[in-house]
Amino acid sequence: KRILVTGGTGLVGKAIEKVVADGEGRPDEEWIFVSSRDADLTSSSETKALFEKHKPTHVIHLAAMVGGLFKNIRSNLDFWRTNIHINDNVLHSAHETGVQKVVSCLSTCIFPDKTTYPIDETMIHNGPPHSSNFGYSYAKRMIDIQNRGYSEQHGRRFTAVIPTNVFGPHDNFNIEDGHVLPGLIHKVYLAKQSGSALTVWGTGKPRRQFIYSLDLARLFLWVLREYDEVEPIILSVGEEDEVSIREAAEAITEAMEFRGELVFDTTKSDGQFKKTASNAKLRRYLPEFQFTPFRKAVKETCAWFNANYANARK
């Protein structure tokens, strides 16, 4: 197997690289991690050239234009167009070069805004996503449509996974444009340096299921090797492991040994209140899989951020 990982230098790509290097890789697997420096995936010719150069038999497709709530609100059209181009180029190049299997990465924000909980894999197309990030959400949904098309028309084994909120080393810790957990870690670091209070945007009440990037990486390897459905699979901790943004902030302040005040700026948007996902399908396949406890994973991520601050903050 020659496994090409797009978006290979991002949060999930780095986690897969670490897990493979730490002994989870197999002798019959050659892993190739590429980033935007290797090819502009919005260009069909550059994408095709990348595939012809590396001749992968398998692809893990992580590359995407991503950002936090406020970046999405500002740039829905950009998120739609960029991601549609990337996904179409990657899947079509994979098809044209005879790739045996592609595993793409979706996101729980693709689910309908008005829905019942917990959400599961059958509900993706049951209504429009939240208006704050409709461009990104619809672009990601379309991967599921394309996978079905390639399967029905060409017999391709293209599938997708839907992780809940991923965090860990090598995350985007940008306060303005990053996701909630890495943004909070950076904020706590700065508040500790300056001796000021920690201000969390929103009420702190929204609830999320967080998955540690190294756990997700181990599950990605399982999907690549063992999971044969075209339909996506949710990769997440259980519903009972959902935490509020306040609880997440408290876990970070504890890990960073921050002794200051915690303030919630309720003039800022909360985004979706919750998007509780069911991992029942995953548990049917892997009943014994052990997730890293949330506070332990937060502690390890904070330690990585502290040790790599010069690079991580960018």
Foldseek 3Di string as FASTA:
>chain_A
DEEEEEVLLALLNVLLVVLCVVPPPDPVYHYHYDYVVQFQLLDLVRLLVVCVVRVAQEYEYEDADAWELVVLQVPLPVRQSSLLSNLVSNVVSCVVSNRQEYEYEAELQQFDLDDDPDDFLVGNPVHQGFPSRRRNSVSRVVSLVVLVVCCVPPVHQYAYEYEWAEDFARHQLALPIGYQLSVLLVQLVVCQVVVHEREHEADQQAKTFYAYSNLVSSVVVCCRPPNRDRRYAYDTDALVLIDTSNVSSVLSCVLVVPDHHYHYDNVGDPGRRYNNHHNVVVCVVPVPRDGDRPSVRSNNRSVSCVVVVVPNND
